[in-house]
């Protein structure tokens, strides 16, 4: 099933490239016929190819990823204070006190 999804993704990407190439050809033909680019309107086949390519990429991405799956909630509910805490990376005031003198000597204050 994943190969089918990947094939749909590739087909959608090919449709996007074909739509872009069609726009380039239409602009080139308009330029050589003496028309202005302000008068350029997207051809209908480009719009259909872009919409079909987007749909194929969407379906192919879902098929290749395995579809929608439930999000599991962890059993232990963590409090807000410990949610982003990293136990092996704790800062203490002693580190800042040791570096404060160096920082004040080498960093110039911004002009007022």
N, C-alpha and C. Protein backbone atom coordinates (compact mmCIF):
# COMPACT_ATOMS: atom_id res chain seq x y z
N UNK A 1 0.81 -1.19 0.00
CA UNK A 1 0.00 0.00 0.00
C UNK A 1 0.86 1.26 0.00
N UNK A 2 2.04 1.17 0.62
CA UNK A 2 2.91 2.34 0.65
C UNK A 2 3.47 2.64 -0.73
N UNK A 3 3.72 1.60 -1.53
CA UNK A 3 4.22 1.84 -2.88
C UNK A 3 3.16 2.54 -3.73
N UNK A 4 1.90 2.18 -3.51
CA UNK A 4 0.81 2.84 -4.23
C UNK A 4 0.74 4.32 -3.83
N UNK A 5 0.91 4.59 -2.55
CA UNK A 5 0.91 5.97 -2.09
C UNK A 5 2.07 6.77 -2.66
N UNK A 6 3.23 6.14 -2.72
CA UNK A 6 4.39 6.82 -3.30
C UNK A 6 4.18 7.08 -4.79
N UNK A 7 3.54 6.13 -5.46
CA UNK A 7 3.24 6.32 -6.88
C UNK A 7 2.28 7.49 -7.08
N UNK A 8 1.30 7.62 -6.19
CA UNK A 8 0.38 8.75 -6.27
C UNK A 8 1.11 10.07 -6.02
N UNK A 9 2.05 10.07 -5.08
CA UNK A 9 2.84 11.27 -4.82
C UNK A 9 3.65 11.67 -6.05
N UNK A 10 4.27 10.69 -6.67
CA UNK A 10 5.08 10.98 -7.86
C UNK A 10 4.19 11.47 -9.00
N UNK A 11 3.01 10.85 -9.15
CA UNK A 11 2.09 11.28 -10.20
C UNK A 11 1.62 12.71 -9.96
N UNK A 12 1.34 13.06 -8.71
CA UNK A 12 0.95 14.43 -8.39
C UNK A 12 2.06 15.42 -8.67
N UNK A 13 3.29 15.05 -8.33
CA UNK A 13 4.43 15.93 -8.60
C UNK A 13 4.63 16.11 -10.11
N UNK A 14 4.44 15.04 -10.87
CA UNK A 14 4.57 15.12 -12.33
C UNK A 14 3.49 16.04 -12.89
N UNK A 15 2.28 15.97 -12.34
CA UNK A 15 1.22 16.87 -12.80
C UNK A 15 1.55 18.33 -12.49
N UNK A 16 2.16 18.58 -11.33
CA UNK A 16 2.57 19.94 -11.00
C UNK A 16 3.63 20.44 -11.98
N UNK A 17 4.59 19.60 -12.31
CA UNK A 17 5.64 19.99 -13.26
C UNK A 17 5.04 20.22 -14.64
N UNK A 18 4.09 19.37 -15.04
CA UNK A 18 3.44 19.54 -16.34
C UNK A 18 2.64 20.83 -16.39
N UNK A 19 1.98 21.17 -15.29
CA UNK A 19 1.22 22.43 -15.25
C UNK A 19 2.16 23.62 -15.34
N UNK A 20 3.28 23.56 -14.65
CA UNK A 20 4.25 24.66 -14.71
C UNK A 20 4.83 24.79 -16.12
N UNK A 21 5.10 23.67 -16.75
CA UNK A 21 5.63 23.71 -18.11
C UNK A 21 4.60 24.28 -19.09
N UNK A 22 3.33 23.96 -18.87
CA UNK A 22 2.27 24.51 -19.72
C UNK A 22 2.16 26.02 -19.57
N UNK A 23 2.33 26.52 -18.35
CA UNK A 23 2.32 27.97 -18.13
C UNK A 23 3.49 28.62 -18.85
N UNK A 24 4.66 28.00 -18.77
CA UNK A 24 5.83 28.55 -19.45
C UNK A 24 5.61 28.59 -20.96
N UNK A 25 5.04 27.52 -21.52
CA UNK A 25 4.77 27.49 -22.95
C UNK A 25 3.75 28.55 -23.35
N UNK A 26 2.70 28.72 -22.54
CA UNK A 26 1.67 29.71 -22.87
C UNK A 26 2.23 31.12 -22.82
N UNK A 27 3.06 31.41 -21.83
CA UNK A 27 3.67 32.75 -21.74
C UNK A 27 4.65 32.98 -22.90
N UNK A 28 5.37 31.93 -23.27
CA UNK A 28 6.31 32.05 -24.39
C UNK A 28 5.54 32.31 -25.69
N UNK A 29 4.43 31.60 -25.89
CA UNK A 29 3.63 31.81 -27.10
C UNK A 29 3.02 33.21 -27.11
N UNK A 30 2.58 33.70 -25.95
CA UNK A 30 2.01 35.05 -25.88
C UNK A 30 3.08 36.10 -26.18
N UNK A 31 4.28 35.90 -25.67
CA UNK A 31 5.36 36.86 -25.88
C UNK A 31 5.76 36.91 -27.36
N UNK A 32 5.79 35.75 -28.03
CA UNK A 32 6.20 35.72 -29.44
C UNK A 32 5.09 36.16 -30.38
N UNK A 33 3.85 36.16 -29.91
CA UNK A 33 2.75 36.63 -30.76
C UNK A 33 2.58 38.15 -30.66
N UNK A 34 3.36 38.79 -29.81
CA UNK A 34 3.31 40.24 -29.70
C UNK A 34 2.39 40.74 -28.61
N UNK A 35 1.83 39.86 -27.83
CA UNK A 35 0.94 40.27 -26.75
C UNK A 35 1.71 40.70 -25.52
N UNK A 36 1.03 41.38 -24.63
CA UNK A 36 1.63 41.81 -23.37
C UNK A 36 1.36 40.78 -22.29
N UNK A 37 2.30 40.66 -21.36
CA UNK A 37 2.11 39.71 -20.26
C UNK A 37 1.02 40.14 -19.29
N UNK A 38 0.60 41.41 -19.37
CA UNK A 38 -0.51 41.86 -18.52
C UNK A 38 -1.83 41.22 -18.96
N UNK A 39 -1.89 40.81 -20.23
CA UNK A 39 -3.11 40.20 -20.76
C UNK A 39 -3.14 38.69 -20.55
N UNK A 40 -2.14 38.15 -19.87
CA UNK A 40 -2.02 36.70 -19.72
C UNK A 40 -3.06 36.17 -18.74
N UNK A 41 -3.76 35.13 -19.15
CA UNK A 41 -4.73 34.43 -18.30
C UNK A 41 -4.31 32.96 -18.26
N UNK A 42 -4.38 32.36 -17.08
CA UNK A 42 -4.00 30.95 -16.96
C UNK A 42 -4.92 30.07 -17.80
N UNK A 43 -4.36 29.15 -18.57
CA UNK A 43 -5.20 28.21 -19.31
C UNK A 43 -5.95 27.28 -18.35
N UNK A 44 -7.09 26.80 -18.80
CA UNK A 44 -7.94 25.95 -17.96
C UNK A 44 -7.26 24.62 -17.67
N UNK A 45 -6.51 24.08 -18.63
CA UNK A 45 -5.84 22.80 -18.39
C UNK A 45 -4.79 22.91 -17.30
N UNK A 46 -4.19 24.09 -17.14
CA UNK A 46 -3.20 24.29 -16.07
C UNK A 46 -3.89 24.25 -14.71
N UNK A 47 -5.04 24.89 -14.62
CA UNK A 47 -5.78 24.89 -13.35
C UNK A 47 -6.21 23.48 -12.99
N UNK A 48 -6.74 22.75 -13.97
CA UNK A 48 -7.16 21.37 -13.69
C UNK A 48 -5.97 20.49 -13.31
N UNK A 49 -4.84 20.67 -13.98
CA UNK A 49 -3.66 19.86 -13.66
C UNK A 49 -3.14 20.18 -12.26
N UNK A 50 -3.18 21.45 -11.87
CA UNK A 50 -2.70 21.82 -10.53
C UNK A 50 -3.63 21.28 -9.45
N UNK A 51 -4.94 21.36 -9.67
CA UNK A 51 -5.89 20.83 -8.67
C UNK A 51 -5.78 19.31 -8.58
N UNK A 52 -5.67 18.64 -9.73
CA UNK A 52 -5.53 17.19 -9.72
C UNK A 52 -4.20 16.77 -9.09
N UNK A 53 -3.13 17.51 -9.36
CA UNK A 53 -1.84 17.21 -8.75
C UNK A 53 -1.87 17.38 -7.25
N UNK A 54 -2.55 18.43 -6.78
CA UNK A 54 -2.67 18.63 -5.33
C UNK A 54 -3.47 17.52 -4.68
N UNK A 55 -4.55 17.10 -5.33
CA UNK A 55 -5.36 16.01 -4.78
C UNK A 55 -4.58 14.70 -4.75
N UNK A 56 -3.84 14.42 -5.81
CA UNK A 56 -3.04 13.19 -5.84
C UNK A 56 -1.94 13.22 -4.78
N UNK A 57 -1.31 14.36 -4.60
CA UNK A 57 -0.27 14.46 -3.56
C UNK A 57 -0.86 14.29 -2.17
N UNK A 58 -2.04 14.84 -1.94
CA UNK A 58 -2.69 14.70 -0.64
C UNK A 58 -3.05 13.25 -0.36
N UNK A 59 -3.69 12.59 -1.31
CA UNK A 59 -4.08 11.19 -1.11
C UNK A 59 -2.84 10.30 -1.04
N UNK A 60 -1.87 10.55 -1.89
CA UNK A 60 -0.64 9.75 -1.87
C UNK A 60 0.13 9.92 -0.59
N UNK A 61 0.16 11.12 -0.05
CA UNK A 61 0.84 11.34 1.23
C UNK A 61 0.16 10.61 2.36
N UNK A 62 -1.16 10.60 2.36
CA UNK A 62 -1.89 9.86 3.39
C UNK A 62 -1.69 8.35 3.26
N UNK A 63 -1.69 7.86 2.03
CA UNK A 63 -1.50 6.42 1.82
C UNK A 63 -0.07 6.00 2.17
N UNK A 64 0.91 6.82 1.81
CA UNK A 64 2.30 6.47 2.07
C UNK A 64 2.62 6.53 3.55
N UNK A 65 1.97 7.43 4.27
CA UNK A 65 2.24 7.57 5.70
C UNK A 65 1.45 6.57 6.53
N UNK A 66 0.53 5.89 5.94
CA UNK A 66 -0.27 4.92 6.69
C UNK A 66 -1.60 5.47 7.16
N UNK A 67 -2.03 6.58 6.62
CA UNK A 67 -3.32 7.14 6.99
C UNK A 67 -3.28 7.86 8.32
N UNK A 68 -4.46 8.18 8.79
CA UNK A 68 -4.56 8.86 10.08
C UNK A 68 -4.45 7.84 11.20
N UNK A 69 -3.71 8.19 12.23
CA UNK A 69 -3.58 7.33 13.41
C UNK A 69 -3.90 8.15 14.64
N UNK A 70 -4.39 7.48 15.66
CA UNK A 70 -4.74 8.16 16.89
C UNK A 70 -3.49 8.65 17.60
N UNK A 71 -3.63 9.77 18.26
CA UNK A 71 -2.55 10.31 19.07
C UNK A 71 -2.76 9.80 20.48
N UNK A 72 -1.76 9.11 21.01
CA UNK A 72 -1.89 8.56 22.36
C UNK A 72 -1.48 9.60 23.39
N UNK A 73 -2.30 9.71 24.41
CA UNK A 73 -2.01 10.62 25.51
C UNK A 73 -1.20 9.85 26.55
N UNK A 74 -0.11 10.42 27.05
CA UNK A 74 0.66 9.70 28.06
C UNK A 74 -0.17 9.51 29.34
N UNK A 75 0.12 8.43 30.01
CA UNK A 75 -0.65 8.10 31.21
C UNK A 75 -0.40 9.10 32.33
N UNK A 76 0.84 9.52 32.48
CA UNK A 76 1.17 10.44 33.55
C UNK A 76 0.97 11.87 33.06
N UNK A 77 0.13 12.61 33.73
CA UNK A 77 -0.10 14.00 33.37
C UNK A 77 0.95 14.84 34.09
N UNK A 78 1.73 15.57 33.32
CA UNK A 78 2.81 16.36 33.90
C UNK A 78 2.30 17.75 34.23
N UNK A 79 2.86 18.32 35.28
CA UNK A 79 2.48 19.68 35.63
C UNK A 79 3.24 20.66 34.72
N UNK A 80 2.75 21.87 34.64
CA UNK A 80 3.31 22.86 33.74
C UNK A 80 4.75 23.22 34.09
N UNK A 81 5.09 23.21 35.36
CA UNK A 81 6.44 23.60 35.78
C UNK A 81 7.50 22.60 35.32
N UNK A 82 7.15 21.34 35.23
CA UNK A 82 8.14 20.32 34.87
C UNK A 82 8.01 19.87 33.43
N UNK A 83 7.18 20.52 32.65
CA UNK A 83 6.92 20.06 31.29
C UNK A 83 8.15 20.18 30.39
N UNK A 84 8.88 21.28 30.51
CA UNK A 84 10.04 21.50 29.64
C UNK A 84 11.36 21.38 30.39
N UNK A 85 11.36 20.77 31.53
CA UNK A 85 12.57 20.65 32.33
C UNK A 85 13.44 19.52 31.79
N UNK A 86 14.73 19.80 31.66
CA UNK A 86 15.69 18.77 31.27
C UNK A 86 16.58 18.51 32.48
N UNK A 87 16.57 17.29 32.96
CA UNK A 87 17.25 16.97 34.20
C UNK A 87 18.77 17.05 34.07
N UNK A 88 19.30 16.81 32.88
CA UNK A 88 20.74 16.83 32.73
C UNK A 88 21.26 18.21 32.30
N UNK A 89 20.41 19.21 32.32
CA UNK A 89 20.82 20.54 31.91
C UNK A 89 20.21 21.56 32.88
N UNK A 90 20.78 21.62 34.04
CA UNK A 90 20.31 22.55 35.06
C UNK A 90 21.32 23.66 35.23
N UNK A 91 20.85 24.86 35.34
CA UNK A 91 21.72 26.02 35.52
C UNK A 91 21.71 26.44 36.98
N UNK A 92 22.86 26.78 37.46
CA UNK A 92 22.99 27.25 38.84
C UNK A 92 23.56 28.65 38.83
N UNK A 93 23.32 29.38 39.88
CA UNK A 93 23.79 30.77 39.94
C UNK A 93 25.31 30.84 40.04
N UNK A 94 25.99 29.78 40.45
CA UNK A 94 27.45 29.82 40.59
C UNK A 94 28.13 29.95 39.23
N UNK A 95 27.56 29.37 38.18
CA UNK A 95 28.16 29.50 36.86
C UNK A 95 28.08 30.94 36.38
N UNK A 96 26.97 31.56 36.60
CA UNK A 96 26.82 32.95 36.17
C UNK A 96 27.71 33.88 36.97
N UNK A 97 27.91 33.59 38.24
CA UNK A 97 28.77 34.45 39.07
C UNK A 97 30.22 34.37 38.61
N UNK A 98 30.66 33.21 38.15
CA UNK A 98 32.04 33.06 37.68
C UNK A 98 32.26 33.78 36.36
N UNK A 99 31.27 33.81 35.52
CA UNK A 99 31.43 34.42 34.20
C UNK A 99 31.07 35.89 34.15
N UNK A 100 30.48 36.43 35.20
CA UNK A 100 30.02 37.82 35.17
C UNK A 100 31.17 38.79 35.00
N UNK A 101 32.29 38.55 35.67
CA UNK A 101 33.43 39.47 35.56
C UNK A 101 34.00 39.46 34.14
N UNK A 102 34.07 38.30 33.51
CA UNK A 102 34.58 38.22 32.14
C UNK A 102 33.67 38.94 31.16
N UNK A 103 32.39 38.77 31.35
CA UNK A 103 31.44 39.39 30.44
C UNK A 103 31.50 40.90 30.57
N UNK A 104 31.61 41.42 31.76
CA UNK A 104 31.66 42.86 31.96
C UNK A 104 32.94 43.47 31.41
N UNK A 105 34.04 42.73 31.41
CA UNK A 105 35.30 43.25 30.90
C UNK A 105 35.36 43.27 29.37
N UNK A 106 34.75 42.30 28.71
CA UNK A 106 34.90 42.17 27.27
C UNK A 106 33.74 42.69 26.46
N UNK A 107 32.62 42.92 27.07
CA UNK A 107 31.45 43.39 26.33
C UNK A 107 31.28 44.87 26.58
N UNK A 108 31.21 45.63 25.51
CA UNK A 108 31.00 47.07 25.66
C UNK A 108 29.51 47.35 25.74
N UNK A 109 29.11 48.29 26.57
CA UNK A 109 27.68 48.59 26.67
C UNK A 109 27.21 49.32 25.42
N UNK A 110 25.95 49.18 25.06
CA UNK A 110 25.43 49.86 23.87
C UNK A 110 25.38 51.37 24.10
N UNK A 111 25.51 52.14 23.04
CA UNK A 111 25.46 53.61 23.21
C UNK A 111 24.07 54.04 23.64
N UNK A 112 24.04 55.05 24.49
CA UNK A 112 22.75 55.51 25.02
C UNK A 112 22.13 56.57 24.14
